[in-house]
Amino acid sequence: MRSRLHLLPVIALGWLTAACGESEPEEGAQPTPGFDQAAVDELRSLGVDRYFDRFEPSAVTDLGEGHFGVEFAVDEEGPICLRGAPYRFGIRERDSEDLLIFLQGGGACWSEFCAAQSATSVLVPTHSVMDEQHERSVMPGYNVAHIAYCDGSVFTGDTQMEDEEGVRYHRGLVNLSAALDVVKERFPEPRRVVLAGTSAGGYGTILGTLLVRLKWPTTPLDVINDAGLGLTNPERPQTLALMKEEWGFGSLVPPSCEACREGQFTQVIGWALERDPTLRVGVFSAYEDEIVSGPFLSIDPLDFKALLISETDKLHTAYPQRFKRFFVNGDHHTAVPRFYDHEVNGVPYTSWLRAMLSRDPSWVDTLAD
């Protein structure tokens, strides 16, 4: 039986500062949005932006009422889905200065486990933060780019593998980069960008933050990560090693992210927070998420809860004003199915998100008992 992970108290803030960095602006200070030049140079030296401005869509279809479908011709070296289907995504254009970039979820695929979406649609869903009709809509009137998911590598892959079903195209980095090119051309100077994602898309927001920041270098950026916090099972390091090998994302992790060497991909969030003093990240999870703890991590649900709290404690302690959590009891996966029903300590999840986006003081770290 696995030994329990324990919820250890924070022993020294100095240790956290060394591990995650500390760049909370002084009260009254108004820092400039964006990564510092050293961070930009490091990301470019890694080739994080190597697929920017390389692929043009084969078709952009006006679907009416501000909706557009974008499709790329099948290209084994370019945008493509897991089993070879064409890569497509959707845009919903409104008369707004604000832009929501939403990364879709849909499973994952590597040699130990493969259950992933392998085709996409050009339609923009109307659930969760993309719902513009509900009376409690969080982002009504926003322009929306729904970045569809079909690569099996949580938007990070840049490899090609073979299995018993044929070729697996893990081209998440290419797909996301090509999609962001299109979105940038259509919305070159938004007043703000919100990057959100759920499940695999939540995981995708971690490296996606780096890409979005390079594409819109000085635009205020908020990130909403739903059930994709980058946790790995410390008792199964071989799984993380396989993902890095089969998806090829290991080379994208900044070498200067010292905490990332400990095996928790979560700490890339801390790297970004340290280097962009205006970046803000809000995260959602159920304490015993049955999908992430089960098939994805193969970890006991209570161990998952302990790991979830201990890893995110590091980030919240280092960046208390810019990294905040909304954690609920239960084992359900993502906020989406009950988006308007989640409540912790009398605070609805939708109100918490609106407070985040409006920079209201009521946006606080919110953990269920």
Protein backbone atom coordinates (compact mmCIF):
# COMPACT_ATOMS: atom_id res chain seq x y z
CA MET A 1 0.00 0.00 0.00
CA ARG A 2 1.24 3.47 -0.82
CA SER A 3 2.32 5.63 2.07
CA ARG A 4 0.14 8.67 2.61
CA LEU A 5 1.32 12.08 1.53
CA HIS A 6 0.94 14.40 4.46
CA LEU A 7 -0.18 18.00 4.48
CA LEU A 8 2.93 19.59 5.89
CA PRO A 9 2.83 23.17 7.13
CA VAL A 10 4.89 25.76 5.37
CA ILE A 11 8.11 25.84 7.36
CA ALA A 12 9.93 28.73 5.82
CA LEU A 13 8.77 31.41 3.43
CA GLY A 14 12.38 31.84 2.39
CA TRP A 15 12.42 28.29 1.00
CA LEU A 16 9.29 29.00 -1.01
CA THR A 17 10.73 32.21 -2.35
CA ALA A 18 13.82 30.36 -3.50
CA ALA A 19 11.76 27.60 -5.10
CA CYS A 20 9.06 29.63 -6.81
CA GLY A 21 10.41 33.16 -6.79
CA GLU A 22 8.68 36.19 -5.33
CA SER A 23 7.66 39.18 -7.35
CA GLU A 24 4.52 40.49 -5.70
CA PRO A 25 4.46 44.20 -6.49
CA GLU A 26 4.58 46.64 -3.63
CA GLU A 27 1.27 48.21 -2.64
CA GLY A 28 0.48 51.09 -4.95
CA ALA A 29 2.95 49.97 -7.60
CA GLN A 30 1.69 49.45 -11.14
CA PRO A 31 4.09 47.15 -12.95
CA THR A 32 4.11 46.76 -16.70
CA PRO A 33 2.42 43.60 -18.04
CA GLY A 34 4.62 41.00 -19.65
CA PHE A 35 7.64 38.81 -19.15
CA ASP A 36 11.01 40.38 -18.48
CA GLN A 37 13.49 40.26 -21.35
CA ALA A 38 15.50 37.44 -19.81
CA ALA A 39 12.37 35.25 -19.73
CA VAL A 40 11.52 36.08 -23.35
CA ASP A 41 15.07 35.28 -24.44
CA GLU A 42 15.02 31.98 -22.55
CA LEU A 43 11.73 30.88 -24.08
CA ARG A 44 12.87 31.79 -27.56
CA SER A 45 16.16 29.94 -27.09
CA LEU A 46 14.12 26.83 -26.21
CA GLY A 47 12.04 27.25 -29.36
CA VAL A 48 8.74 27.65 -27.51
CA ASP A 49 7.63 29.94 -30.35
CA ARG A 50 9.16 27.89 -33.16
CA TYR A 51 5.85 27.28 -34.91
CA PHE A 52 4.59 30.84 -34.86
CA ASP A 53 3.89 32.36 -38.29
CA ARG A 54 4.53 29.14 -40.21
CA PHE A 55 1.09 27.79 -41.12
CA GLU A 56 -1.89 29.39 -42.82
CA PRO A 57 -5.42 28.00 -42.55
CA SER A 58 -6.78 26.38 -45.69
CA ALA A 59 -10.26 27.79 -45.03
CA VAL A 60 -11.98 30.35 -42.81
CA THR A 61 -15.77 29.98 -43.03
CA ASP A 62 -18.25 32.63 -41.99
CA LEU A 63 -20.91 30.68 -40.09
CA GLY A 64 -23.08 33.71 -39.40
CA GLU A 65 -23.87 35.77 -36.29
CA GLY A 66 -20.19 36.44 -35.63
CA HIS A 67 -19.12 32.79 -35.73
CA PHE A 68 -16.22 31.64 -37.87
CA GLY A 69 -14.76 28.21 -38.51
CA VAL A 70 -11.03 27.81 -39.14
CA GLU A 71 -9.53 24.72 -40.78
CA PHE A 72 -6.00 23.68 -41.68
CA ALA A 73 -5.19 21.25 -44.47
CA VAL A 74 -3.75 17.96 -43.20
CA ASP A 75 0.02 18.31 -42.83
CA GLU A 76 2.13 15.67 -41.09
CA GLU A 77 4.62 18.37 -40.12
CA GLY A 78 2.00 20.96 -39.24
CA PRO A 79 -1.42 21.23 -37.59
CA ILE A 80 -3.03 17.79 -37.41
CA CYS A 81 -5.10 15.67 -35.01
CA LEU A 82 -3.97 12.57 -33.17
CA ARG A 83 -4.95 10.05 -35.87
CA GLY A 84 -4.56 12.30 -38.90
CA ALA A 85 -7.84 14.24 -39.02
CA PRO A 86 -7.62 17.92 -40.06
CA TYR A 87 -7.19 20.45 -37.30
CA ARG A 88 -10.09 22.90 -36.90
CA PHE A 89 -11.28 25.42 -34.31
CA GLY A 90 -13.89 28.13 -33.87
CA ILE A 91 -14.11 31.87 -33.21
CA ARG A 92 -17.03 33.89 -31.86
CA GLU A 93 -16.58 37.58 -32.61
CA ARG A 94 -18.37 40.28 -30.63
CA ASP A 95 -18.05 44.04 -30.36
CA SER A 96 -15.62 43.83 -27.45
CA GLU A 97 -12.11 44.81 -26.46
CA ASP A 98 -11.76 41.65 -24.34
CA LEU A 99 -10.60 38.26 -25.61
CA LEU A 100 -11.20 34.82 -24.12
CA ILE A 101 -8.97 32.03 -25.41
CA PHE A 102 -10.43 28.72 -24.28
CA LEU A 103 -8.48 25.46 -24.49
CA GLN A 104 -10.80 22.46 -24.86
CA GLY A 105 -10.39 19.27 -22.84
CA GLY A 106 -10.65 15.70 -24.05
CA GLY A 107 -8.39 13.06 -22.51
CA ALA A 108 -4.77 12.13 -23.16
CA CYS A 109 -2.76 9.46 -24.93
CA TRP A 110 0.56 7.83 -24.18
CA SER A 111 1.73 4.21 -24.20
CA GLU A 112 0.42 3.45 -20.69
CA PHE A 113 -3.02 4.96 -21.32
CA CYS A 114 -4.79 6.24 -24.40
CA ALA A 115 -8.27 7.77 -24.30
CA ALA A 116 -8.26 11.04 -26.16
CA GLN A 117 -10.39 13.05 -28.51
CA SER A 118 -9.01 12.75 -32.05
CA ALA A 119 -11.19 15.11 -34.11
CA THR A 120 -12.39 18.66 -33.72
CA SER A 121 -15.29 20.95 -34.53
CA VAL A 122 -15.46 24.57 -35.61
CA LEU A 123 -18.37 25.30 -33.27
CA VAL A 124 -17.87 27.43 -30.16
CA PRO A 125 -19.59 25.76 -27.17
CA THR A 126 -21.83 27.70 -24.83
CA HIS A 127 -20.89 26.08 -21.54
CA SER A 128 -18.98 27.45 -18.52
CA VAL A 129 -17.06 30.69 -19.17
CA MET A 130 -18.15 30.67 -22.84
CA ASP A 131 -21.84 30.93 -21.92
CA GLU A 132 -22.99 34.42 -22.91
CA GLN A 133 -26.74 33.93 -22.36
CA HIS A 134 -27.09 32.91 -18.70
CA GLU A 135 -28.05 35.64 -16.24
CA ARG A 136 -24.90 34.80 -14.26
CA SER A 137 -22.62 34.67 -17.29
CA VAL A 138 -19.03 35.34 -16.27
CA MET A 139 -17.76 36.88 -19.51
CA PRO A 140 -20.76 38.14 -21.50
CA GLY A 141 -19.85 39.88 -24.72
CA TYR A 142 -16.24 38.68 -24.86
CA ASN A 143 -14.66 37.71 -28.16
CA VAL A 144 -13.98 33.97 -27.91
CA ALA A 145 -11.44 31.71 -29.58
CA HIS A 146 -12.31 28.09 -28.79
CA ILE A 147 -9.02 26.27 -29.38
CA ALA A 148 -10.15 22.73 -30.08
CA TYR A 149 -8.20 19.77 -28.69
CA CYS A 150 -7.35 16.60 -30.58
CA ASP A 151 -3.64 15.89 -30.11
CA GLY A 152 -3.67 13.64 -27.01
CA SER A 153 -0.73 15.55 -25.52
CA VAL A 154 -2.52 18.37 -23.66
CA PHE A 155 -1.44 20.98 -26.21
CA THR A 156 2.28 20.33 -25.57
CA GLY A 157 3.30 17.65 -28.06
CA ASP A 158 5.75 17.90 -30.92
CA THR A 159 6.37 14.27 -31.83
CA GLN A 160 5.14 11.40 -33.95
CA MET A 161 4.73 7.88 -32.54
CA GLU A 162 3.47 4.53 -33.77
CA ASP A 163 1.26 2.06 -31.92
CA GLU A 164 -1.04 -0.85 -32.75
CA GLU A 165 -3.58 1.55 -34.25
CA GLY A 166 -1.08 3.29 -36.51
CA VAL A 167 0.55 6.69 -36.29
CA ARG A 168 -0.06 9.02 -33.35
CA TYR A 169 0.49 12.68 -34.19
CA HIS A 170 1.21 14.54 -30.97
CA ARG A 171 1.19 18.00 -32.51
CA GLY A 172 -0.35 20.04 -29.73
CA LEU A 173 2.34 22.71 -29.79
CA VAL A 174 1.89 23.12 -33.54
CA ASN A 175 -1.91 23.20 -33.31
CA LEU A 176 -1.95 25.77 -30.53
CA SER A 177 0.68 27.95 -32.19
CA ALA A 178 -1.13 27.95 -35.55
CA ALA A 179 -4.44 28.75 -33.86
CA LEU A 180 -2.92 31.63 -31.90
CA ASP A 181 -1.53 33.07 -35.14
CA VAL A 182 -5.06 33.27 -36.52
CA VAL A 183 -6.46 34.71 -33.30
CA LYS A 184 -3.70 37.32 -33.10
CA GLU A 185 -4.41 38.47 -36.65
CA ARG A 186 -8.13 38.84 -35.90
CA PHE A 187 -7.66 40.40 -32.43
CA PRO A 188 -4.26 42.12 -32.57
CA GLU A 189 -4.62 44.51 -29.63
CA PRO A 190 -7.25 43.41 -27.11
CA ARG A 191 -7.64 45.35 -23.89
CA ARG A 192 -7.17 42.10 -21.99
CA VAL A 193 -6.70 38.39 -22.65
CA VAL A 194 -8.18 35.63 -20.52
CA LEU A 195 -6.66 32.19 -21.14
CA ALA A 196 -8.90 29.42 -19.78
CA GLY A 197 -8.93 25.66 -20.12
CA THR A 198 -10.57 22.61 -18.64
CA SER A 199 -9.12 19.14 -18.01
CA ALA A 200 -6.55 18.57 -20.80
CA GLY A 201 -7.10 22.21 -21.67
CA GLY A 202 -6.35 23.13 -18.06
CA TYR A 203 -3.02 21.33 -18.36
CA GLY A 204 -2.61 23.14 -21.67
CA THR A 205 -2.87 26.55 -20.03
CA ILE A 206 0.44 25.92 -18.23
CA LEU A 207 2.64 26.00 -21.34
CA GLY A 208 -0.11 27.92 -23.12
CA THR A 209 0.54 30.85 -20.80
CA LEU A 210 4.08 31.07 -22.18
CA LEU A 211 2.84 31.02 -25.78
CA VAL A 212 0.05 33.55 -25.20
CA ARG A 213 2.43 35.86 -23.39
CA LEU A 214 4.88 35.75 -26.32
CA LYS A 215 2.06 36.41 -28.79
CA TRP A 216 0.57 39.32 -26.77
CA PRO A 217 3.68 40.48 -24.89
CA THR A 218 2.26 43.49 -23.03
CA THR A 219 -1.49 42.78 -22.81
CA PRO A 220 -2.91 42.15 -19.31
CA LEU A 221 -3.32 38.37 -18.96
CA ASP A 222 -5.45 36.30 -16.59
CA VAL A 223 -5.43 32.49 -16.56
CA ILE A 224 -8.24 30.18 -15.39
CA ASN A 225 -7.13 26.57 -14.95
CA ASP A 226 -9.95 24.07 -14.40
CA ALA A 227 -8.83 20.61 -13.27
CA GLY A 228 -5.47 20.58 -15.03
CA LEU A 229 -2.90 21.64 -12.47
CA GLY A 230 0.08 19.71 -13.82
CA LEU A 231 0.42 17.31 -10.90
CA THR A 232 2.39 14.08 -11.30
CA ASN A 233 2.47 10.97 -9.13
CA PRO A 234 5.75 11.06 -7.16
CA GLU A 235 5.62 7.27 -6.82
CA ARG A 236 5.40 6.77 -10.60
CA PRO A 237 8.17 8.92 -12.10
CA GLN A 238 8.19 6.62 -15.12
CA THR A 239 4.83 8.02 -16.22
CA LEU A 240 6.17 11.58 -16.37
CA ALA A 241 9.27 10.30 -18.15
CA LEU A 242 7.09 8.56 -20.75
CA MET A 243 4.99 11.67 -21.33
CA LYS A 244 8.10 13.79 -21.82
CA GLU A 245 9.56 11.25 -24.23
CA GLU A 246 6.41 10.47 -26.20
CA TRP A 247 5.05 14.02 -26.33
CA GLY A 248 8.38 15.83 -26.46
CA PHE A 249 7.48 18.64 -24.08
CA GLY A 250 10.45 18.26 -21.72
CA SER A 251 12.56 20.55 -23.89
CA LEU A 252 10.01 23.35 -23.43
CA VAL A 253 10.39 23.60 -19.65
CA PRO A 254 12.64 26.58 -18.85
CA PRO A 255 15.97 25.48 -17.33
CA SER A 256 15.76 28.43 -14.93
CA CYS A 257 12.65 26.87 -13.37
CA GLU A 258 14.55 25.16 -10.56
CA ALA A 259 11.38 23.97 -8.80
CA CYS A 260 10.30 22.20 -12.01
CA ARG A 261 13.19 19.76 -11.60
CA GLU A 262 11.39 18.26 -8.62
CA GLY A 263 8.91 16.60 -10.99
CA GLN A 264 5.78 18.69 -10.53
CA PHE A 265 4.82 20.47 -13.75
CA THR A 266 2.68 22.77 -11.56
CA GLN A 267 5.75 24.82 -10.78
CA VAL A 268 5.93 26.17 -14.34
CA ILE A 269 3.00 28.34 -13.19
CA GLY A 270 5.27 29.78 -10.52
CA TRP A 271 7.98 30.46 -13.10
CA ALA A 272 5.52 32.51 -15.15
CA LEU A 273 4.16 34.37 -12.10
CA GLU A 274 7.69 35.33 -11.06
CA ARG A 275 8.54 36.75 -14.47
CA ASP A 276 5.30 38.60 -15.19
CA PRO A 277 4.36 40.78 -12.19
CA THR A 278 0.82 41.34 -13.50
CA LEU A 279 -0.10 37.74 -14.39
CA ARG A 280 -2.94 36.31 -12.29
CA VAL A 281 -3.98 32.67 -12.11
CA GLY A 282 -7.22 31.24 -10.68
CA VAL A 283 -7.50 27.46 -10.33
CA PHE A 284 -10.40 25.06 -9.76
CA SER A 285 -10.33 21.46 -8.60
CA ALA A 286 -12.29 18.91 -6.63
CA TYR A 287 -10.17 17.50 -3.82
CA GLU A 288 -10.44 13.90 -5.02
CA ASP A 289 -10.87 14.37 -8.77
CA GLU A 290 -11.63 10.83 -9.98
CA ILE A 291 -10.24 11.32 -13.49
CA VAL A 292 -6.94 13.00 -12.66
CA SER A 293 -6.26 10.85 -9.60
CA GLY A 294 -7.47 7.67 -11.34
CA PRO A 295 -6.52 6.86 -14.94
CA PHE A 296 -4.25 9.87 -15.36
CA LEU A 297 -2.08 9.63 -12.23
CA SER A 298 -2.94 6.23 -10.68
CA ILE A 299 -2.81 7.76 -7.21
CA ASP A 300 -5.02 7.23 -4.18
CA PRO A 301 -7.66 10.03 -4.06
CA LEU A 302 -6.59 11.13 -0.59
CA ASP A 303 -2.96 11.22 -1.69
CA PHE A 304 -4.08 13.30 -4.65
CA LYS A 305 -5.80 15.74 -2.30
CA ALA A 306 -2.67 16.05 -0.20
CA LEU A 307 -0.50 16.60 -3.27
CA LEU A 308 -2.97 19.12 -4.71
CA ILE A 309 -2.93 21.20 -1.55
CA SER A 310 0.79 20.98 -0.84
CA GLU A 311 1.88 21.95 -4.37
CA THR A 312 -0.60 24.80 -4.72
CA ASP A 313 0.20 26.01 -1.19
CA LYS A 314 3.69 26.80 -2.47
CA LEU A 315 2.32 29.00 -5.22
CA HIS A 316 -0.30 30.74 -3.10
CA THR A 317 2.24 31.49 -0.37
CA ALA A 318 4.71 32.93 -2.86
CA TYR A 319 2.07 34.87 -4.84
CA PRO A 320 -0.89 35.40 -2.47
CA GLN A 321 -2.41 38.24 -4.50
CA ARG A 322 -2.06 36.62 -7.92
CA PHE A 323 -2.53 32.85 -7.46
CA LYS A 324 -5.79 31.79 -5.83
CA ARG A 325 -7.72 28.55 -5.56
CA PHE A 326 -11.36 27.47 -5.57
CA PHE A 327 -11.25 23.89 -4.27
CA VAL A 328 -14.44 21.91 -3.64
CA ASN A 329 -15.22 18.66 -1.89
CA GLY A 330 -15.94 15.56 -3.95
CA ASP A 331 -14.44 13.47 -6.72
CA HIS A 332 -16.00 15.03 -9.81
CA HIS A 333 -13.82 16.17 -12.68
CA THR A 334 -13.91 19.82 -13.89
CA ALA A 335 -16.29 22.62 -13.02
CA VAL A 336 -18.15 22.39 -16.32
CA PRO A 337 -21.13 20.04 -15.66
CA ARG A 338 -22.27 21.99 -12.57
CA PHE A 339 -20.74 25.32 -13.46
CA TYR A 340 -23.47 27.46 -11.88
CA ASP A 341 -23.91 25.23 -8.83
CA HIS A 342 -20.43 25.15 -7.29
CA GLU A 343 -20.26 27.01 -3.99
CA VAL A 344 -17.72 27.07 -1.17
CA ASN A 345 -18.34 28.78 2.16
CA GLY A 346 -21.31 30.60 0.67
CA VAL A 347 -19.32 31.86 -2.32
CA PRO A 348 -20.54 30.77 -5.78
CA TYR A 349 -17.80 29.83 -8.22
CA THR A 350 -19.23 32.26 -10.78
CA SER A 351 -19.02 35.14 -8.29
CA TRP A 352 -15.44 34.17 -7.49
CA LEU A 353 -14.53 34.27 -11.20
CA ARG A 354 -16.23 37.62 -11.72
CA ALA A 355 -14.34 39.02 -8.74
CA MET A 356 -11.10 37.78 -10.28
CA LEU A 357 -11.79 39.38 -13.62
CA SER A 358 -12.95 42.69 -12.12
CA ARG A 359 -10.01 42.78 -9.68
CA ASP A 360 -12.44 42.95 -6.78
CA PRO A 361 -11.04 42.42 -3.24
CA SER A 362 -13.58 39.62 -2.78
CA TRP A 363 -11.38 37.41 -5.01
CA VAL A 364 -9.76 35.37 -2.27
CA ASP A 365 -8.30 31.91 -1.82
CA THR A 366 -11.38 29.72 -1.31
CA LEU A 367 -10.98 26.17 0.00
CA ALA A 368 -13.79 23.88 1.12
CA ASP A 369 -13.53 22.59 4.68
